[in-house]
N, C-alpha and C. Protein backbone atom coordinates (compact mmCIF):
# COMPACT_ATOMS: atom_id res chain seq x y z
N UNK A 1 -16.98 5.43 11.43
CA UNK A 1 -16.69 4.20 10.65
C UNK A 1 -17.63 3.34 9.95
N UNK A 2 -17.09 3.61 8.50
CA UNK A 2 -17.94 3.09 7.68
C UNK A 2 -18.39 1.61 7.59
N UNK A 3 -19.57 0.99 7.56
CA UNK A 3 -19.96 -0.21 7.66
C UNK A 3 -20.86 -0.27 6.22
N UNK A 4 -20.79 -1.59 5.82
CA UNK A 4 -21.64 -2.10 4.59
C UNK A 4 -22.07 -3.18 4.99
N UNK A 5 -23.48 -3.77 5.28
CA UNK A 5 -24.24 -4.80 5.52
C UNK A 5 -25.06 -5.04 4.60
N UNK A 6 -24.81 -6.40 4.03
CA UNK A 6 -25.26 -7.28 3.08
C UNK A 6 -26.15 -8.21 3.43
N UNK A 7 -27.69 -8.09 2.68
CA UNK A 7 -28.68 -8.70 2.99
C UNK A 7 -29.35 -9.52 1.79
N UNK A 8 -29.14 -10.70 1.25
CA UNK A 8 -29.58 -11.50 0.27
C UNK A 8 -31.26 -11.99 0.76
N UNK A 9 -32.01 -11.28 -0.60
CA UNK A 9 -33.22 -11.90 -0.58
C UNK A 9 -34.03 -12.24 -1.74
N UNK A 10 -33.93 -13.66 -2.07
CA UNK A 10 -34.39 -14.13 -3.33
C UNK A 10 -32.98 -13.99 -4.52
N UNK A 11 -33.66 -13.01 -5.35
CA UNK A 11 -32.76 -12.40 -6.27
C UNK A 11 -32.34 -11.02 -6.24
N UNK A 12 -32.57 -10.59 -5.02
CA UNK A 12 -32.00 -9.07 -4.82
C UNK A 12 -31.32 -8.88 -3.50
N UNK A 13 -30.13 -8.25 -3.61
CA UNK A 13 -29.16 -8.01 -2.62
C UNK A 13 -29.49 -6.68 -1.91
N UNK A 14 -29.66 -6.59 -0.52
CA UNK A 14 -29.94 -5.36 -0.13
C UNK A 14 -28.53 -4.83 0.67
N UNK A 15 -28.24 -3.73 0.23
CA UNK A 15 -26.53 -3.46 0.57
C UNK A 15 -26.99 -2.05 1.49
N UNK A 16 -26.97 -2.07 2.98
CA UNK A 16 -27.31 -1.32 3.79
C UNK A 16 -25.86 -0.28 4.06
N UNK A 17 -25.73 1.23 3.88
CA UNK A 17 -24.63 1.60 4.37
C UNK A 17 -24.81 2.12 5.25
N UNK A 18 -23.61 2.63 6.04
CA UNK A 18 -23.71 3.23 7.69
C UNK A 18 -22.55 3.74 7.72
N UNK A 19 -22.60 4.88 8.18
CA UNK A 19 -21.36 5.85 8.56
C UNK A 19 -20.68 6.61 7.44
N UNK A 20 -19.97 7.53 8.04
CA UNK A 20 -19.44 8.40 7.39
C UNK A 20 -18.61 8.12 6.06
N UNK A 21 -18.71 8.42 4.93
CA UNK A 21 -17.84 8.26 3.74
C UNK A 21 -16.98 9.17 3.18
N UNK A 22 -15.65 8.42 3.68
CA UNK A 22 -14.33 9.81 3.26
C UNK A 22 -13.38 8.99 2.50
N UNK A 23 -12.15 9.66 2.73
CA UNK A 23 -10.77 8.86 1.98
C UNK A 23 -10.41 7.73 2.71
N UNK A 24 -10.81 7.39 3.62
CA UNK A 24 -10.66 5.94 4.25
C UNK A 24 -11.67 4.92 3.63
N UNK A 25 -12.94 5.18 3.11
CA UNK A 25 -13.59 4.49 2.73
C UNK A 25 -13.28 3.53 1.40
N UNK A 26 -13.16 2.29 1.60
CA UNK A 26 -12.80 1.31 0.56
C UNK A 26 -13.99 0.44 0.32
N UNK A 27 -14.82 0.97 -0.69
CA UNK A 27 -16.03 -0.03 -1.01
C UNK A 27 -15.65 -1.55 -1.47
N UNK A 28 -14.94 -1.53 -2.09
CA UNK A 28 -14.63 -2.90 -2.62
C UNK A 28 -13.96 -3.85 -1.41
N UNK A 29 -13.30 -3.38 -0.50
CA UNK A 29 -12.82 -4.38 0.69
C UNK A 29 -14.25 -4.68 1.63
N UNK A 30 -15.05 -3.46 1.67
CA UNK A 30 -16.14 -3.31 2.83
C UNK A 30 -17.19 -4.14 2.14
N UNK A 31 -17.61 -3.97 0.77
CA UNK A 31 -18.66 -4.55 0.31
C UNK A 31 -18.32 -5.82 -0.42
N UNK A 32 -17.30 -6.07 -1.23
CA UNK A 32 -17.17 -7.39 -1.72
C UNK A 32 -17.64 -7.31 -3.36
N UNK A 33 -17.68 -8.38 -3.75
CA UNK A 33 -18.23 -8.51 -5.27
C UNK A 33 -19.82 -8.55 -5.31
N UNK A 34 -20.55 -7.85 -6.32
CA UNK A 34 -21.79 -7.98 -6.35
C UNK A 34 -22.28 -8.19 -7.65
N UNK A 35 -23.23 -8.70 -7.69
CA UNK A 35 -23.81 -9.02 -9.07
C UNK A 35 -25.40 -8.81 -9.12
N UNK A 36 -26.16 -8.85 -10.22
CA UNK A 36 -27.56 -8.75 -10.39
C UNK A 36 -28.24 -7.63 -10.27
N UNK A 37 -29.13 -7.68 -9.34
CA UNK A 37 -30.10 -6.50 -8.87
C UNK A 37 -29.50 -6.26 -7.45
N UNK A 38 -29.09 -4.99 -6.95
CA UNK A 38 -28.64 -4.60 -6.06
C UNK A 38 -29.69 -3.23 -5.50
N UNK A 39 -29.98 -3.36 -4.10
CA UNK A 39 -30.69 -2.15 -3.70
C UNK A 39 -29.80 -1.27 -2.84
N UNK A 40 -29.72 -0.14 -2.58
CA UNK A 40 -28.64 0.39 -1.79
C UNK A 40 -29.47 1.04 -0.93
N UNK A 41 -29.33 0.94 0.48
CA UNK A 41 -30.25 1.58 1.12
C UNK A 41 -29.13 2.91 2.02
N UNK A 42 -29.44 4.05 1.99
CA UNK A 42 -28.54 5.00 2.24
C UNK A 42 -29.09 5.97 3.46
N UNK A 43 -30.08 5.48 4.33
CA UNK A 43 -30.62 6.30 5.31
C UNK A 43 -29.55 6.77 6.58
N UNK A 44 -28.60 5.59 6.38
CA UNK A 44 -27.65 5.70 7.72
C UNK A 44 -26.10 6.55 7.16
N UNK A 45 -26.03 7.33 6.24
CA UNK A 45 -24.93 7.75 5.70
C UNK A 45 -25.27 9.55 6.33
N UNK A 46 -24.37 9.91 7.43
CA UNK A 46 -24.62 11.09 7.72
C UNK A 46 -23.79 12.16 7.08
N UNK A 47 -22.61 11.70 6.35
CA UNK A 47 -21.86 12.63 6.06
C UNK A 47 -20.57 11.89 4.88
N UNK A 48 -20.60 12.85 3.89
CA UNK A 48 -19.57 12.13 2.87
C UNK A 48 -18.69 13.83 2.37
N UNK A 49 -17.17 13.40 2.15
CA UNK A 49 -16.37 14.55 2.15
C UNK A 49 -16.11 14.36 0.28
N UNK A 50 -15.28 15.05 -0.20
CA UNK A 50 -15.11 15.35 -1.48
C UNK A 50 -14.15 13.85 -1.89
N UNK A 51 -13.21 13.44 -0.93
CA UNK A 51 -12.60 12.12 -1.43
C UNK A 51 -13.47 11.05 -1.32
N UNK A 52 -14.64 11.12 -0.52
CA UNK A 52 -15.67 10.08 -0.48
C UNK A 52 -16.41 9.85 -1.51
N UNK A 53 -16.77 11.10 -2.11
CA UNK A 53 -17.62 11.07 -3.22
C UNK A 53 -16.52 10.49 -4.42
N UNK A 54 -15.42 11.14 -4.66
CA UNK A 54 -14.81 10.45 -5.60
C UNK A 54 -14.53 8.90 -5.30
N UNK A 55 -14.47 8.34 -4.14
CA UNK A 55 -14.42 6.73 -4.07
C UNK A 55 -15.92 6.25 -4.45
N UNK A 56 -16.92 6.68 -4.11
CA UNK A 56 -18.30 6.68 -4.40
C UNK A 56 -18.40 6.40 -5.78
N UNK A 57 -18.11 7.25 -6.45
CA UNK A 57 -18.49 7.42 -7.74
C UNK A 57 -17.83 6.44 -8.55
N UNK A 58 -16.46 6.37 -8.22
CA UNK A 58 -15.51 5.03 -8.95
C UNK A 58 -16.17 4.11 -8.65
N UNK A 59 -16.43 3.59 -7.47
CA UNK A 59 -17.25 2.08 -7.29
C UNK A 59 -18.49 1.91 -7.85
N UNK A 60 -19.35 2.83 -7.76
CA UNK A 60 -20.72 2.45 -8.30
C UNK A 60 -20.88 2.73 -9.75
N UNK A 61 -19.96 3.44 -10.47
CA UNK A 61 -19.86 3.38 -11.62
C UNK A 61 -19.07 2.32 -12.47
N UNK A 62 -18.31 1.91 -11.26
CA UNK A 62 -17.70 0.61 -12.11
C UNK A 62 -18.30 -0.79 -11.96
N UNK A 63 -19.43 -0.92 -10.68
CA UNK A 63 -19.95 -1.99 -10.86
C UNK A 63 -21.23 -1.96 -11.49
N UNK A 64 -21.60 -0.67 -11.91
CA UNK A 64 -22.83 -0.73 -13.28
C UNK A 64 -22.33 -1.06 -14.41
N UNK A 65 -20.93 -0.72 -14.78
CA UNK A 65 -20.47 -1.07 -15.82
C UNK A 65 -20.14 -2.65 -16.03
N UNK A 66 -19.94 -3.11 -14.96
CA UNK A 66 -20.12 -4.75 -14.90
C UNK A 66 -21.36 -5.58 -14.98
N UNK A 67 -22.38 -4.69 -15.06
CA UNK A 67 -23.70 -5.34 -15.15
C UNK A 67 -24.71 -5.19 -13.98
N UNK A 68 -24.10 -4.61 -12.57
CA UNK A 68 -24.80 -4.67 -11.68
C UNK A 68 -26.03 -3.68 -11.88
N UNK A 69 -27.11 -3.90 -11.55
CA UNK A 69 -28.65 -3.27 -11.67
C UNK A 69 -28.77 -2.46 -10.06
N UNK A 70 -28.37 -1.26 -9.97
CA UNK A 70 -28.52 -0.71 -8.67
C UNK A 70 -30.12 0.14 -8.75
N UNK A 71 -30.52 0.23 -7.35
CA UNK A 71 -31.32 0.92 -7.16
C UNK A 71 -31.43 1.82 -5.68
N UNK A 72 -31.45 2.97 -5.89
CA UNK A 72 -31.12 3.72 -4.59
C UNK A 72 -32.45 3.76 -3.56
N UNK A 73 -32.65 3.41 -2.34
CA UNK A 73 -33.69 3.91 -1.66
C UNK A 73 -33.22 4.55 -0.20
N UNK A 74 -34.22 5.26 0.41
CA UNK A 74 -33.88 5.86 1.86
C UNK A 74 -32.58 6.77 1.91
N UNK A 75 -32.43 7.10 0.73
CA UNK A 75 -31.16 8.19 0.45
C UNK A 75 -31.14 9.28 1.56
N UNK A 76 -30.14 9.28 2.61
CA UNK A 76 -29.94 10.65 3.58
C UNK A 76 -30.10 11.96 2.70
N UNK A 77 -30.25 13.01 3.40
CA UNK A 77 -30.01 14.08 3.20
C UNK A 77 -28.84 14.34 2.37
N UNK A 78 -27.80 14.28 3.01
CA UNK A 78 -26.24 14.26 2.42
C UNK A 78 -26.30 13.43 1.31
N UNK A 79 -26.91 12.51 1.09
CA UNK A 79 -26.59 11.74 -0.41
C UNK A 79 -27.55 12.34 -1.47
N UNK A 80 -28.82 12.68 -0.82
CA UNK A 80 -29.34 13.36 -1.93
C UNK A 80 -28.83 14.92 -2.56
N UNK A 81 -28.32 15.69 -1.42
CA UNK A 81 -27.34 16.75 -1.81
C UNK A 81 -26.30 16.65 -2.94
N UNK A 82 -25.63 15.34 -2.62
CA UNK A 82 -24.48 15.04 -3.70
C UNK A 82 -25.18 14.64 -5.13
N UNK A 83 -26.23 13.86 -4.85
CA UNK A 83 -26.85 13.63 -6.33
C UNK A 83 -27.37 14.62 -6.83
N UNK A 84 -27.91 15.60 -6.25
CA UNK A 84 -28.50 17.10 -7.15
C UNK A 84 -26.78 17.64 -7.68
N UNK A 85 -25.66 17.46 -6.81
CA UNK A 85 -24.87 18.34 -7.21
C UNK A 85 -23.91 17.65 -8.02
N UNK A 86 -24.01 16.25 -8.11
CA UNK A 86 -22.83 15.70 -9.04
C UNK A 86 -23.83 14.56 -10.25
N UNK A 87 -23.85 14.63 -11.04
CA UNK A 87 -24.44 14.23 -12.15
C UNK A 87 -24.19 12.71 -12.08
N UNK A 88 -23.16 12.24 -11.88
CA UNK A 88 -22.98 10.78 -11.96
C UNK A 88 -23.05 10.12 -10.59
N UNK A 89 -23.24 10.79 -9.82
CA UNK A 89 -23.28 10.37 -8.15
C UNK A 89 -24.30 9.01 -8.13
N UNK A 90 -25.40 8.94 -8.68
CA UNK A 90 -26.20 7.48 -8.88
C UNK A 90 -25.73 6.78 -9.59
N UNK A 91 -24.68 6.75 -10.37
CA UNK A 91 -24.22 6.01 -11.51
C UNK A 91 -25.24 5.85 -12.68
N UNK A 92 -26.49 6.67 -12.74
CA UNK A 92 -27.27 6.41 -13.57
C UNK A 92 -28.55 5.50 -13.37
N UNK A 93 -28.51 4.89 -11.84
CA UNK A 93 -29.55 4.34 -11.35
C UNK A 93 -30.89 4.98 -10.80
N UNK A 94 -32.12 4.61 -11.05
CA UNK A 94 -32.90 5.25 -10.46
C UNK A 94 -33.11 5.09 -8.93
N UNK A 95 -33.62 6.33 -8.25
CA UNK A 95 -33.64 6.62 -6.91
C UNK A 95 -35.02 6.58 -6.55
N UNK A 96 -35.42 5.56 -5.68
CA UNK A 96 -36.61 5.25 -5.44
C UNK A 96 -37.35 6.31 -4.32
N UNK A 97 -36.66 6.56 -3.36
CA UNK A 97 -37.02 7.28 -2.12
C UNK A 97 -35.65 7.95 -1.52
N UNK A 98 -36.33 9.17 -0.79
CA UNK A 98 -35.20 10.04 -0.16
C UNK A 98 -35.77 10.52 1.28
N UNK A 99 -34.85 10.83 2.11
CA UNK A 99 -35.26 11.79 3.24
C UNK A 99 -35.38 13.18 2.94
N UNK A 100 -36.30 13.81 3.09
CA UNK A 100 -36.26 15.36 3.02
C UNK A 100 -36.42 16.02 4.30
N UNK A 101 -35.76 17.36 4.08
CA UNK A 101 -35.67 17.98 5.80
C UNK A 101 -36.76 18.82 5.88
N UNK A 102 -37.19 18.92 7.25
CA UNK A 102 -38.54 20.04 7.45
C UNK A 102 -38.01 20.61 8.60
N UNK A 103 -38.80 21.85 8.70
CA UNK A 103 -38.04 22.93 9.93
C UNK A 103 -39.71 23.35 10.27
N UNK A 104 -39.93 23.03 11.75
CA UNK A 104 -41.12 23.61 12.15
C UNK A 104 -41.17 24.88 12.29
N UNK A 105 -41.93 25.81 12.38
CA UNK A 105 -42.26 27.21 12.38
C UNK A 105 -42.58 27.47 13.88
N UNK A 106 -42.99 26.87 14.59
CA UNK A 106 -43.50 27.29 16.08
C UNK A 106 -42.23 26.74 16.94
N UNK A 107 -41.76 25.38 17.24
CA UNK A 107 -40.84 25.12 18.22
C UNK A 107 -39.28 24.75 17.51
N UNK A 108 -39.32 25.31 16.09
CA UNK A 108 -38.09 25.20 15.24
C UNK A 108 -37.17 23.89 15.45
N UNK A 109 -37.73 22.93 15.70
CA UNK A 109 -37.51 21.34 15.36
C UNK A 109 -37.13 21.43 13.90
N UNK A 110 -36.13 20.66 13.74
CA UNK A 110 -35.50 19.81 12.27
C UNK A 110 -35.80 18.61 12.46
N UNK A 111 -36.29 18.11 11.55
CA UNK A 111 -36.51 16.80 11.26
C UNK A 111 -36.76 16.26 9.89
N UNK A 112 -36.42 14.68 9.43
CA UNK A 112 -36.75 14.27 8.02
C UNK A 112 -37.86 13.41 8.16
N UNK A 113 -38.30 13.32 6.66
CA UNK A 113 -39.41 12.52 6.32
C UNK A 113 -39.01 12.16 5.14
N UNK A 114 -39.29 10.81 4.89
CA UNK A 114 -39.02 9.87 4.04
C UNK A 114 -40.28 9.89 2.94
N UNK A 115 -39.71 10.21 1.48
CA UNK A 115 -40.76 10.30 0.65
C UNK A 115 -40.64 9.47 -0.56
N UNK A 116 -41.60 9.21 -1.21
CA UNK A 116 -41.18 8.49 -2.77
C UNK A 116 -40.79 9.61 -3.66
N UNK A 117 -40.07 9.01 -4.35
CA UNK A 117 -39.45 10.33 -5.53
C UNK A 117 -40.64 10.29 -6.53
N UNK A 118 -41.35 9.42 -6.88
CA UNK A 118 -42.57 9.66 -7.93
C UNK A 118 -43.69 10.29 -7.18
N UNK A 119 -43.80 10.13 -5.81
CA UNK A 119 -44.83 11.42 -5.26
C UNK A 119 -44.08 12.84 -5.28
N UNK A 120 -42.87 12.91 -5.25
CA UNK A 120 -42.54 14.51 -5.15
C UNK A 120 -42.33 14.96 -6.72
N UNK A 121 -42.44 14.01 -7.51
CA UNK A 121 -42.45 14.37 -9.11
C UNK A 121 -43.90 14.89 -9.09
N UNK A 122 -44.86 14.06 -8.84
CA UNK A 122 -46.39 14.42 -8.84
C UNK A 122 -46.78 15.53 -8.35
N UNK A 123 -46.25 15.97 -7.17
CA UNK A 123 -46.46 17.13 -6.58
C UNK A 123 -45.59 18.38 -6.88
N UNK A 124 -44.88 18.10 -8.40
CA UNK A 124 -44.24 19.14 -8.94
C UNK A 124 -42.93 19.77 -8.30
N UNK A 125 -42.67 18.63 -7.46
CA UNK A 125 -41.22 19.51 -6.26
C UNK A 125 -41.80 20.26 -5.33
N UNK A 126 -43.01 20.52 -5.27
CA UNK A 126 -43.67 21.48 -4.15
C UNK A 126 -44.21 20.90 -2.91
N UNK A 127 -43.39 20.58 -2.09
CA UNK A 127 -44.09 19.43 -0.70
C UNK A 127 -44.67 20.36 0.13
N UNK A 128 -46.02 19.77 0.42
CA UNK A 128 -46.93 20.53 1.38
C UNK A 128 -46.41 20.58 2.87
N UNK A 129 -46.76 21.44 3.60
CA UNK A 129 -46.31 21.57 5.01
C UNK A 129 -46.60 20.07 5.70
N UNK A 130 -46.15 19.63 6.69
CA UNK A 130 -46.57 18.48 7.62
C UNK A 130 -46.47 18.91 8.93
N UNK A 131 -46.70 18.03 9.76
CA UNK A 131 -47.10 18.16 11.24
C UNK A 131 -45.91 17.88 11.72
N UNK A 132 -45.37 18.84 12.79
CA UNK A 132 -44.43 18.79 13.45
C UNK A 132 -44.23 17.63 14.41
N UNK A 133 -43.24 16.59 14.18
CA UNK A 133 -43.06 15.54 15.18
C UNK A 133 -43.12 15.59 16.77
N UNK A 134 -42.75 16.84 16.92
CA UNK A 134 -42.41 17.42 18.31
C UNK A 134 -43.32 18.09 19.03
N UNK A 135 -43.83 19.23 18.40
CA UNK A 135 -44.80 19.91 18.92
C UNK A 135 -46.26 19.69 18.16
N UNK A 136 -46.50 19.41 16.89
CA UNK A 136 -47.59 19.09 16.22
C UNK A 136 -48.21 20.54 15.49
N UNK A 137 -46.87 21.37 15.65
CA UNK A 137 -47.02 22.46 14.49
C UNK A 137 -46.88 22.38 13.18
N UNK A 138 -47.07 23.32 12.35
CA UNK A 138 -46.87 23.32 11.14
C UNK A 138 -45.34 23.31 10.69
N UNK A 139 -44.76 22.25 9.69
CA UNK A 139 -43.34 21.93 9.41
C UNK A 139 -43.38 22.41 8.06
N UNK A 140 -42.34 22.92 7.37
CA UNK A 140 -42.16 23.04 5.78
C UNK A 140 -40.77 22.82 5.54
N UNK A 141 -40.57 22.44 4.19
CA UNK A 141 -39.49 21.64 3.52
C UNK A 141 -38.32 22.70 3.76
N UNK A 142 -37.50 22.13 4.25
CA UNK A 142 -36.28 23.27 4.61
C UNK A 142 -34.77 23.08 3.76
N UNK A 143 -35.46 23.27 2.05
CA UNK A 143 -34.46 23.31 1.40
C UNK A 143 -34.64 24.37 0.09
N UNK A 144 -34.02 24.29 -0.68
CA UNK A 144 -34.27 24.94 -2.07
C UNK A 144 -34.78 24.15 -3.05
N UNK A 145 -36.15 23.82 -3.56
CA UNK A 145 -36.81 22.68 -4.16
C UNK A 145 -35.96 22.53 -5.47
N UNK A 146 -35.64 23.86 -6.22
CA UNK A 146 -34.85 23.75 -7.30
C UNK A 146 -33.48 23.03 -7.40
N UNK A 147 -32.71 23.21 -6.15
CA UNK A 147 -31.45 22.81 -5.94
C UNK A 147 -31.61 21.16 -5.20
N UNK A 148 -32.25 20.70 -4.14
CA UNK A 148 -32.56 20.01 -3.36
C UNK A 148 -32.92 18.48 -4.57
N UNK A 149 -33.89 19.14 -5.38
CA UNK A 149 -34.52 18.04 -6.19
C UNK A 149 -33.85 17.73 -7.73
N UNK A 150 -32.95 18.44 -7.99
CA UNK A 150 -32.07 18.37 -9.17
C UNK A 150 -31.96 17.21 -9.82
N UNK A 151 -31.57 16.22 -9.07
CA UNK A 151 -31.46 15.02 -9.49
C UNK A 151 -32.50 14.41 -10.19
N UNK A 152 -33.79 14.68 -9.94
CA UNK A 152 -35.06 13.99 -10.27
C UNK A 152 -35.16 14.39 -11.68
N UNK A 153 -34.21 15.58 -12.05
CA UNK A 153 -34.65 16.16 -13.53
C UNK A 153 -33.70 15.07 -14.56
N UNK A 154 -32.73 14.55 -14.04
CA UNK A 154 -31.92 13.32 -14.77
C UNK A 154 -32.49 11.77 -14.70
N UNK A 155 -33.58 11.79 -14.02
CA UNK A 155 -33.86 10.42 -13.74
C UNK A 155 -35.16 10.17 -15.03
């Protein structure tokens, strides 16, 4: 079940998205009217299907056309994959931080780490290995850089 939680902080609205986004997701009903600067937190979106993508693009393109200034943060792996596959998925808004998938070479644990997009660009999209949170072994980025980070070329 999809949920949208709004938290107002001075001149910025934080929009926390949670749950699966599909054909039943009605953003306007779940979120309501927005204005000004909105920071969209996407870490709790585990899946989105093609009808959900359509609803997402229509909603976010619509509100940016009305003058809402979006920024995306803490984007789940699912959202990053969509941003890279669909050029207008982020409605032209900046993406500040994303989750990146890792795989441990020793225990085969899969986990994600939060990274700033500016840091990923500085690394030329080549992420160094990190320490496995389960066994302490070496974990490597578990996607194809040229595909996963494609959205960064459009920012």
